[in-house]
Protein backbone atom coordinates (compact mmCIF):
# COMPACT_ATOMS: atom_id res chain seq x y z
CA UNK A 1 2.59 -11.75 -4.87
CA UNK A 2 -0.09 -11.87 -7.66
CA UNK A 3 1.04 -10.84 -11.09
CA UNK A 4 0.12 -7.43 -12.51
CA UNK A 5 -1.92 -9.09 -15.31
CA UNK A 6 -4.42 -10.56 -12.84
CA UNK A 7 -4.71 -7.30 -10.91
CA UNK A 8 -4.87 -4.90 -13.87
CA UNK A 9 -7.86 -2.63 -13.56
CA UNK A 10 -8.70 -3.81 -9.99
CA UNK A 11 -8.56 -1.90 -6.75
CA UNK A 12 -5.83 -3.08 -4.38
CA UNK A 13 -5.06 -2.52 -0.72
CA UNK A 14 -1.48 -3.03 0.45
CA UNK A 15 -0.16 -3.45 3.84
CA UNK A 16 3.52 -3.17 4.66
CA UNK A 17 5.09 -4.14 7.95
CA UNK A 18 8.25 -2.15 8.27
CA UNK A 19 10.82 -0.45 10.67
CA UNK A 20 11.42 2.07 7.87
CA UNK A 21 7.96 3.46 7.71
CA UNK A 22 8.81 7.18 7.40
CA UNK A 23 11.08 6.66 4.32
CA UNK A 24 8.76 4.25 2.60
CA UNK A 25 5.66 6.32 3.18
CA UNK A 26 7.32 9.42 1.81
CA UNK A 27 8.52 7.47 -1.28
CA UNK A 28 4.94 6.12 -2.01
CA UNK A 29 3.44 9.51 -1.56
CA UNK A 30 6.13 11.06 -3.86
CA UNK A 31 6.40 8.40 -6.54
CA UNK A 32 2.78 7.16 -6.71
CA UNK A 33 1.05 10.30 -5.40
CA UNK A 34 -1.05 8.12 -3.08
CA UNK A 35 -1.88 8.57 0.52
CA UNK A 36 -0.55 6.25 3.18
CA UNK A 37 -1.91 5.48 6.71
CA UNK A 38 0.50 4.36 9.47
CA UNK A 39 -0.77 1.95 12.12
CA UNK A 40 1.09 0.80 15.14
CA UNK A 41 1.56 -2.95 15.23
CA UNK A 42 3.75 -5.62 16.86
CA UNK A 43 5.46 -8.35 15.02
CA UNK A 44 4.64 -11.44 17.08
CA UNK A 45 7.46 -13.64 15.72
CA UNK A 46 10.22 -11.30 17.17
CA UNK A 47 8.09 -9.23 19.54
CA UNK A 48 9.14 -6.10 17.91
CA UNK A 49 7.06 -2.93 17.49
CA UNK A 50 6.46 -2.02 13.87
CA UNK A 51 4.61 0.46 11.75
CA UNK A 52 2.06 -0.94 9.46
CA UNK A 53 1.47 1.10 6.39
CA UNK A 54 -1.72 0.85 4.45
CA UNK A 55 -2.47 2.41 1.08
CA UNK A 56 -4.98 1.89 -1.65
CA UNK A 57 -3.82 1.69 -5.30
CA UNK A 58 -5.09 0.52 -8.66
CA UNK A 59 -4.01 -2.76 -10.07
CA UNK A 60 -1.82 -1.01 -12.58
CA UNK A 61 0.17 0.65 -9.80
CA UNK A 62 1.28 -2.61 -8.07
CA UNK A 63 4.56 -2.64 -10.11
CA UNK A 64 5.28 1.00 -9.17
CA UNK A 65 4.49 0.23 -5.48
CA UNK A 66 6.95 -2.68 -5.37
CA UNK A 67 9.60 -0.47 -6.86
CA UNK A 68 9.03 2.41 -4.48
CA UNK A 69 9.07 0.12 -1.34
CA UNK A 70 12.20 -1.76 -2.59
CA UNK A 71 14.12 1.58 -3.10
CA UNK A 72 13.73 2.31 0.58
CA UNK A 73 13.58 -1.17 2.15
CA UNK A 74 14.36 -4.22 -0.03
CA UNK A 75 13.56 -6.60 2.84
CA UNK A 76 10.09 -5.18 3.51
CA UNK A 77 7.19 -7.48 4.10
CA UNK A 78 4.33 -6.49 1.68
CA UNK A 79 0.91 -7.90 1.33
CA UNK A 80 -1.17 -7.08 -1.65
CA UNK A 81 -4.90 -7.93 -1.62
CA UNK A 82 -7.86 -7.18 -3.87
CA UNK A 83 -10.49 -4.85 -2.45
CA UNK A 84 -14.18 -5.10 -3.05
CA UNK A 85 -14.43 -1.37 -3.50
CA UNK A 86 -12.47 1.80 -2.69
CA UNK A 87 -14.40 4.94 -2.13
CA UNK A 88 -13.01 8.41 -1.70
CA UNK A 89 -10.47 10.87 -3.12
CA UNK A 90 -8.56 9.44 -6.05
CA UNK A 91 -11.08 6.62 -6.55
CA UNK A 92 -14.92 6.55 -6.83
CA UNK A 93 -16.85 9.25 -4.91
CA UNK A 94 -18.19 8.18 -1.60
CA UNK A 95 -21.73 9.32 -2.48
CA UNK A 96 -23.33 9.95 -5.76
CA UNK A 97 -24.12 13.41 -6.86
CA UNK A 98 -27.89 14.17 -6.64
């Protein structure tokens, strides 16, 4: 996973593939005060149904996200990727005020 110094100040999307989606999403919403979207997925390696959690955070929140996920599921699979732009509540407005 990239270091926080390279991600500081950038917008990040995170995907988590977990069987513990409810507990992890509640922890993220409580600790980071960020929204989380759950998608239905299937792990092809083992053929198991999984929830895929997606959330948008800032680069400075990556460390907090890792801690929040680890508290609920230390074996979670987490993908952190840079986002070109994130628009909406908690980030930049979707449209400019006219």
